[in-house]
C-alpha atoms as a PDB file:
ATOM      1  CA  GLY A   1     -25.545 102.932  30.634  1.00  0.00           C
ATOM      2  CA  PRO A   2     -22.417 100.699  30.962  1.00  0.00           C
ATOM      3  CA  ASP A   3     -20.300 103.144  29.036  1.00  0.00           C
ATOM      4  CA  MET A   4     -20.941 106.137  31.189  1.00  0.00           C
ATOM      5  CA  LYS A   5     -18.072 108.115  32.688  1.00  0.00           C
ATOM      6  CA  ALA A   6     -17.545 110.236  35.746  1.00  0.00           C
ATOM      7  CA  VAL A   7     -15.647 113.602  35.436  1.00  0.00           C
ATOM      8  CA  ILE A   8     -13.158 114.118  38.275  1.00  0.00           C
ATOM      9  CA  ILE A   9     -12.219 117.832  38.846  1.00  0.00           C
ATOM     10  CA  ALA A  10      -8.973 118.404  40.680  1.00  0.00           C
ATOM     11  CA  GLU A  11      -7.831 121.714  42.083  1.00  0.00           C
ATOM     12  CA  LYS A  12      -4.624 121.891  40.092  1.00  0.00           C
ATOM     13  CA  PRO A  13      -2.928 120.123  37.249  1.00  0.00           C
ATOM     14  CA  SER A  14      -0.355 118.321  39.366  1.00  0.00           C
ATOM     15  CA  VAL A  15      -3.136 116.674  41.385  1.00  0.00           C
ATOM     16  CA  ALA A  16      -5.044 115.755  38.345  1.00  0.00           C
ATOM     17  CA  LYS A  17      -1.903 114.043  37.035  1.00  0.00           C
ATOM     18  CA  ASN A  18      -1.596 112.064  40.248  1.00  0.00           C
ATOM     19  CA  ILE A  19      -5.191 110.959  40.028  1.00  0.00           C
ATOM     20  CA  ALA A  20      -4.803 110.016  36.309  1.00  0.00           C
ATOM     21  CA  ASP A  21      -1.631 107.978  37.215  1.00  0.00           C
ATOM     22  CA  ALA A  22      -3.445 106.300  40.030  1.00  0.00           C
ATOM     23  CA  LEU A  23      -6.261 105.299  37.579  1.00  0.00           C
ATOM     24  CA  ASN A  24      -3.642 104.237  35.122  1.00  0.00           C
ATOM     25  CA  ILE A  25      -4.991 106.711  32.548  1.00  0.00           C
ATOM     26  CA  LYS A  26      -2.427 107.382  29.925  1.00  0.00           C
ATOM     27  CA  SER A  27      -4.446 109.359  27.380  1.00  0.00           C
ATOM     28  CA  ARG A  28      -3.870 113.078  27.749  1.00  0.00           C
ATOM     29  CA  LYS A  29      -6.083 115.495  25.831  1.00  0.00           C
ATOM     30  CA  ASP A  30      -6.161 119.351  25.867  1.00  0.00           C
ATOM     31  CA  GLY A  31      -7.099 120.107  29.458  1.00  0.00           C
ATOM     32  CA  TYR A  32      -7.967 116.596  30.735  1.00  0.00           C
ATOM     33  CA  PHE A  33      -7.029 112.946  30.837  1.00  0.00           C
ATOM     34  CA  GLU A  34      -9.402 110.440  29.535  1.00  0.00           C
ATOM     35  CA  GLY A  35      -9.821 106.779  30.556  1.00  0.00           C
ATOM     36  CA  GLU A  36     -12.591 104.175  30.213  1.00  0.00           C
ATOM     37  CA  LYS A  37     -14.550 105.122  33.244  1.00  0.00           C
ATOM     38  CA  TYR A  38     -13.067 108.344  34.373  1.00  0.00           C
ATOM     39  CA  ILE A  39     -12.087 111.764  32.784  1.00  0.00           C
ATOM     40  CA  VAL A  40      -9.858 113.749  35.039  1.00  0.00           C
ATOM     41  CA  THR A  41      -9.601 117.534  34.632  1.00  0.00           C
ATOM     42  CA  TRP A  42      -8.407 120.429  36.648  1.00  0.00           C
ATOM     43  CA  ALA A  43      -8.960 123.951  37.752  1.00  0.00           C
ATOM     44  CA  PHE A  44      -6.098 126.531  38.372  1.00  0.00           C
ATOM     45  CA  GLY A  45      -7.297 127.180  41.886  1.00  0.00           C
ATOM     46  CA  HIS A  46     -10.105 129.686  41.730  1.00  0.00           C
ATOM     47  CA  LEU A  47     -11.187 129.809  38.108  1.00  0.00           C
ATOM     48  CA  LEU A  48     -14.196 131.992  39.024  1.00  0.00           C
ATOM     49  CA  GLN A  49     -14.172 135.160  41.181  1.00  0.00           C
ATOM     50  CA  LEU A  50     -16.998 137.252  42.538  1.00  0.00           C
ATOM     51  CA  TYR A  51     -18.231 140.062  40.396  1.00  0.00           C
ATOM     52  CA  ASP A  52     -16.753 143.391  41.007  1.00  0.00           C
ATOM     53  CA  ALA A  53     -19.106 146.129  42.300  1.00  0.00           C
ATOM     54  CA  LYS A  54     -19.190 147.797  38.858  1.00  0.00           C
ATOM     55  CA  ASP A  55     -20.310 144.550  37.207  1.00  0.00           C
ATOM     56  CA  TYR A  56     -23.556 144.797  39.263  1.00  0.00           C
ATOM     57  CA  ASP A  57     -24.144 148.509  38.785  1.00  0.00           C
ATOM     58  CA  GLU A  58     -22.436 151.056  36.537  1.00  0.00           C
ATOM     59  CA  LYS A  59     -22.636 153.838  39.080  1.00  0.00           C
ATOM     60  CA  MET A  60     -20.061 151.884  41.119  1.00  0.00           C
ATOM     61  CA  THR A  61     -17.413 152.634  38.444  1.00  0.00           C
ATOM     62  CA  LYS A  62     -16.814 155.836  40.512  1.00  0.00           C
ATOM     63  CA  TRP A  63     -16.403 155.687  44.243  1.00  0.00           C
ATOM     64  CA  LYS A  64     -18.844 158.135  45.931  1.00  0.00           C
ATOM     65  CA  MET A  65     -19.653 158.075  49.569  1.00  0.00           C
ATOM     66  CA  GLU A  66     -23.393 157.973  49.026  1.00  0.00           C
ATOM     67  CA  ASN A  67     -23.144 154.749  47.019  1.00  0.00           C
ATOM     68  CA  PHE A  68     -21.830 152.825  50.074  1.00  0.00           C
ATOM     69  CA  PRO A  69     -22.459 150.486  51.704  1.00  0.00           C
ATOM     70  CA  PHE A  70     -22.887 148.461  48.509  1.00  0.00           C
ATOM     71  CA  ILE A  71     -24.508 144.989  48.962  1.00  0.00           C
ATOM     72  CA  PRO A  72     -25.590 143.037  45.896  1.00  0.00           C
ATOM     73  CA  GLU A  73     -28.958 141.255  45.958  1.00  0.00           C
ATOM     74  CA  LYS A  74     -27.402 138.055  44.784  1.00  0.00           C
ATOM     75  CA  PHE A  75     -23.702 137.348  44.552  1.00  0.00           C
ATOM     76  CA  GLN A  76     -22.519 136.443  41.020  1.00  0.00           C
ATOM     77  CA  TYR A  77     -19.415 134.866  39.691  1.00  0.00           C
ATOM     78  CA  LYS A  78     -17.389 135.426  36.561  1.00  0.00           C
ATOM     79  CA  VAL A  79     -14.174 133.909  35.128  1.00  0.00           C
ATOM     80  CA  LYS A  80     -11.241 135.478  36.903  1.00  0.00           C
ATOM     81  CA  SER A  81      -9.530 138.587  35.620  1.00  0.00           C
ATOM     82  CA  SER A  82      -6.146 138.524  34.087  1.00  0.00           C
ATOM     83  CA  PRO A  83      -3.527 139.520  36.654  1.00  0.00           C
ATOM     84  CA  LYS A  84      -2.029 141.893  34.075  1.00  0.00           C
ATOM     85  CA  ASN A  85      -5.274 143.674  33.328  1.00  0.00           C
ATOM     86  CA  ARG A  86      -8.187 143.601  35.701  1.00  0.00           C
ATOM     87  CA  ASP A  87     -10.631 144.537  33.012  1.00  0.00           C
ATOM     88  CA  LYS A  88      -9.804 141.601  30.849  1.00  0.00           C
ATOM     89  CA  VAL A  89     -10.652 137.936  31.399  1.00  0.00           C
ATOM     90  CA  ASP A  90      -7.736 135.542  32.176  1.00  0.00           C
ATOM     91  CA  SER A  91      -7.485 133.684  28.935  1.00  0.00           C
ATOM     92  CA  GLY A  92      -6.034 130.462  30.401  1.00  0.00           C
ATOM     93  CA  ALA A  93      -8.713 130.329  33.094  1.00  0.00           C
ATOM     94  CA  ASN A  94     -11.375 130.952  30.521  1.00  0.00           C
ATOM     95  CA  LYS A  95     -10.190 128.215  28.211  1.00  0.00           C
ATOM     96  CA  GLN A  96      -9.964 125.738  31.089  1.00  0.00           C
ATOM     97  CA  PHE A  97     -13.497 126.687  32.394  1.00  0.00           C
ATOM     98  CA  ASN A  98     -14.911 126.122  28.855  1.00  0.00           C
ATOM     99  CA  ILE A  99     -13.167 122.685  28.726  1.00  0.00           C
ATOM    100  CA  ILE A 100     -14.608 121.655  32.055  1.00  0.00           C
ATOM    101  CA  ARG A 101     -18.075 122.895  30.842  1.00  0.00           C
ATOM    102  CA  SER A 102     -17.880 120.903  27.662  1.00  0.00           C
ATOM    103  CA  LEU A 103     -16.840 117.704  29.643  1.00  0.00           C
ATOM    104  CA  LEU A 104     -19.740 118.121  32.170  1.00  0.00           C
ATOM    105  CA  PHE A 105     -22.316 118.360  29.437  1.00  0.00           C
ATOM    106  CA  ARG A 106     -21.068 115.329  27.447  1.00  0.00           C
ATOM    107  CA  ASN A 107     -23.696 112.772  26.811  1.00  0.00           C
ATOM    108  CA  ASP A 108     -21.525 109.859  28.106  1.00  0.00           C
ATOM    109  CA  VAL A 109     -20.931 111.642  31.450  1.00  0.00           C
ATOM    110  CA  ASN A 110     -23.377 110.900  34.182  1.00  0.00           C
ATOM    111  CA  SER A 111     -21.651 112.088  37.269  1.00  0.00           C
ATOM    112  CA  ILE A 112     -19.241 114.794  38.498  1.00  0.00           C
ATOM    113  CA  ILE A 113     -16.759 114.232  41.272  1.00  0.00           C
ATOM    114  CA  SER A 114     -15.154 117.291  42.908  1.00  0.00           C
ATOM    115  CA  ALA A 115     -11.620 116.184  44.039  1.00  0.00           C
ATOM    116  CA  CYS A 116     -10.564 119.767  45.157  1.00  0.00           C
ATOM    117  CA  ASP A 117      -8.715 120.030  48.442  1.00  0.00           C
ATOM    118  CA  TYR A 118     -10.570 118.880  51.593  1.00  0.00           C
ATOM    119  CA  ASP A 119     -11.015 122.306  53.211  1.00  0.00           C
ATOM    120  CA  ARG A 120     -13.294 125.328  53.016  1.00  0.00           C
ATOM    121  CA  GLU A 121     -11.329 126.839  50.145  1.00  0.00           C
ATOM    122  CA  GLY A 122     -11.240 123.628  48.006  1.00  0.00           C
ATOM    123  CA  GLN A 123     -14.894 123.111  48.619  1.00  0.00           C
ATOM    124  CA  VAL A 124     -15.648 126.624  47.249  1.00  0.00           C
ATOM    125  CA  ILE A 125     -13.391 126.104  44.280  1.00  0.00           C
ATOM    126  CA  GLY A 126     -15.105 122.951  43.232  1.00  0.00           C
ATOM    127  CA  ASP A 127     -18.655 124.082  43.937  1.00  0.00           C
ATOM    128  CA  SER A 128     -18.365 127.493  42.285  1.00  0.00           C
ATOM    129  CA  ILE A 129     -17.281 125.789  39.052  1.00  0.00           C
ATOM    130  CA  ILE A 130     -19.803 122.884  39.156  1.00  0.00           C
ATOM    131  CA  TYR A 131     -22.772 124.991  40.290  1.00  0.00           C
ATOM    132  CA  ASN A 132     -22.143 127.762  37.838  1.00  0.00           C
ATOM    133  CA  ILE A 133     -21.934 125.330  34.909  1.00  0.00           C
ATOM    134  CA  LYS A 134     -25.242 123.670  36.016  1.00  0.00           C
ATOM    135  CA  ALA A 135     -24.931 120.395  34.144  1.00  0.00           C
ATOM    136  CA  PRO A 136     -27.832 118.078  35.208  1.00  0.00           C
ATOM    137  CA  LYS A 137     -25.613 115.311  36.659  1.00  0.00           C
ATOM    138  CA  GLU A 138     -25.038 113.814  40.085  1.00  0.00           C
ATOM    139  CA  VAL A 139     -22.378 115.590  42.115  1.00  0.00           C
ATOM    140  CA  TYR A 140     -20.034 113.726  44.523  1.00  0.00           C
ATOM    141  CA  ARG A 141     -17.049 114.630  46.726  1.00  0.00           C
ATOM    142  CA  LEU A 142     -13.778 112.734  46.798  1.00  0.00           C
ATOM    143  CA  LEU A 143     -12.181 113.547  50.084  1.00  0.00           C
ATOM    144  CA  LEU A 144      -8.372 112.847  50.133  1.00  0.00           C
ATOM    145  CA  ASN A 145      -5.527 114.088  52.210  1.00  0.00           C
ATOM    146  CA  GLU A 146      -2.887 112.504  49.962  1.00  0.00           C
ATOM    147  CA  TRP A 147      -2.858 111.552  46.311  1.00  0.00           C
ATOM    148  CA  THR A 148      -1.137 108.203  46.337  1.00  0.00           C
ATOM    149  CA  ALA A 149      -2.496 105.593  44.054  1.00  0.00           C
ATOM    150  CA  ASP A 150      -3.858 103.499  47.012  1.00  0.00           C
ATOM    151  CA  GLU A 151      -5.578 106.575  48.593  1.00  0.00           C
ATOM    152  CA  VAL A 152      -7.209 107.568  45.327  1.00  0.00           C
ATOM    153  CA  MET A 153      -8.479 104.110  44.663  1.00  0.00           C
ATOM    154  CA  ALA A 154      -9.837 103.669  48.287  1.00  0.00           C
ATOM    155  CA  GLY A 155     -11.275 107.189  48.143  1.00  0.00           C
ATOM    156  CA  LEU A 156     -13.177 106.507  44.970  1.00  0.00           C
ATOM    157  CA  GLN A 157     -14.939 103.497  46.690  1.00  0.00           C
ATOM    158  CA  LYS A 158     -16.356 105.917  49.242  1.00  0.00           C
ATOM    159  CA  ILE A 159     -17.241 109.070  47.453  1.00  0.00           C
ATOM    160  CA  ARG A 160     -19.936 110.998  49.194  1.00  0.00           C
ATOM    161  CA  PRO A 161     -22.832 113.060  47.718  1.00  0.00           C
ATOM    162  CA  ASN A 162     -21.534 116.607  47.566  1.00  0.00           C
ATOM    163  CA  LYS A 163     -24.674 117.890  49.400  1.00  0.00           C
ATOM    164  CA  ASP A 164     -23.271 116.043  52.599  1.00  0.00           C
ATOM    165  CA  LEU A 165     -20.662 118.734  52.697  1.00  0.00           C
ATOM    166  CA  ARG A 166     -23.225 121.607  52.819  1.00  0.00           C
ATOM    167  CA  SER A 167     -21.887 123.052  56.139  1.00  0.00           C
ATOM    168  CA  LEU A 168     -18.231 123.274  54.716  1.00  0.00           C
ATOM    169  CA  GLN A 169     -19.751 124.749  51.625  1.00  0.00           C
ATOM    170  CA  ASP A 170     -21.711 127.417  53.530  1.00  0.00           C
ATOM    171  CA  ALA A 171     -18.690 128.253  55.680  1.00  0.00           C
ATOM    172  CA  GLY A 172     -16.500 128.741  52.714  1.00  0.00           C
ATOM    173  CA  VAL A 173     -19.006 130.739  50.690  1.00  0.00           C
ATOM    174  CA  SER A 174     -20.004 133.004  53.502  1.00  0.00           C
ATOM    175  CA  ARG A 175     -16.500 133.760  54.289  1.00  0.00           C
ATOM    176  CA  GLN A 176     -15.867 134.669  50.632  1.00  0.00           C
ATOM    177  CA  TRP A 177     -18.916 136.901  50.542  1.00  0.00           C
ATOM    178  CA  ALA A 178     -17.994 138.518  53.850  1.00  0.00           C
ATOM    179  CA  ASP A 179     -14.530 139.269  52.623  1.00  0.00           C
ATOM    180  CA  TRP A 180     -15.965 140.823  49.411  1.00  0.00           C
ATOM    181  CA  LEU A 181     -18.383 143.012  51.411  1.00  0.00           C
ATOM    182  CA  ILE A 182     -15.721 144.106  53.948  1.00  0.00           C
ATOM    183  CA  GLY A 183     -13.140 144.700  51.173  1.00  0.00           C
ATOM    184  CA  ILE A 184     -15.377 146.658  48.876  1.00  0.00           C
ATOM    185  CA  ASN A 185     -17.138 148.761  51.536  1.00  0.00           C
ATOM    186  CA  LEU A 186     -14.367 149.502  53.995  1.00  0.00           C
ATOM    187  CA  THR A 187     -11.577 149.988  51.431  1.00  0.00           C
ATOM    188  CA  SER A 188     -13.527 152.511  49.433  1.00  0.00           C
ATOM    189  CA  VAL A 189     -14.936 154.397  52.351  1.00  0.00           C
ATOM    190  CA  ALA A 190     -11.605 154.548  54.155  1.00  0.00           C
ATOM    191  CA  THR A 191      -9.976 155.726  50.899  1.00  0.00           C
ATOM    192  CA  LEU A 192     -12.723 158.405  50.309  1.00  0.00           C
ATOM    193  CA  LYS A 193     -12.428 159.596  53.892  1.00  0.00           C
ATOM    194  CA  TYR A 194      -8.789 159.472  54.791  1.00  0.00           C
ATOM    195  CA  GLN A 195      -6.686 159.441  51.599  1.00  0.00           C
ATOM    196  CA  LYS A 196      -8.002 162.614  49.952  1.00  0.00           C
ATOM    197  CA  GLY A 197      -6.760 161.506  46.587  1.00  0.00           C
ATOM    198  CA  LYS A 198      -3.473 159.957  47.772  1.00  0.00           C
ATOM    199  CA  GLY A 199      -4.099 156.472  46.435  1.00  0.00           C
ATOM    200  CA  VAL A 200      -6.064 153.463  47.852  1.00  0.00           C
ATOM    201  CA  LEU A 201      -6.124 152.647  51.520  1.00  0.00           C
ATOM    202  CA  ASN A 202      -6.671 148.760  51.571  1.00  0.00           C
ATOM    203  CA  VAL A 203      -8.828 147.377  54.346  1.00  0.00           C
ATOM    204  CA  GLY A 204      -9.899 143.800  54.787  1.00  0.00           C
ATOM    205  CA  ARG A 205     -10.221 140.824  57.115  1.00  0.00           C
ATOM    206  CA  VAL A 206      -6.914 139.478  55.835  1.00  0.00           C
ATOM    207  CA  ILE A 207      -4.955 142.655  55.878  1.00  0.00           C
END
């Protein structure tokens, strides 16, 4: 209908503010800005993270050689852990994730625009949030290198269906999964084999 809105998801609050300013949206709510045609919200980078091994299978709580390699049948995501306590959900991330979810399911919202950064990482951040929430709305991608008012306005005229970015999505997700597999399996096996109880030996593509 004529009163339908699009939700724009930025990667971080500062970018959301730039987009809202470009669209001349003044009304700030808890976790988003709302105008007549657009609602602008934000993530804090990765709001979701991959499950830990023990989230899939309780036997993985203890590291034993015979449990490795561990490869989940299907990778799953959860709201990221608190940096202070890995066993607790990060409350700020959880709150923002729920705000985004409620916006995406609003009856007056008919489309979702990921405005996360134009790279593999940004693609994964936006997609992991949108596709885990599973609101039945059209998903588009706003691809910008800068957040000036002119760029934002021009970019919104040429948003693309998010499925056009499938290859970027696949590259980002496969890297994320590979990092997880290498990190979990090599770190634990190296630790079990070489540390003999002297702490963790971290192994990973990045390290």
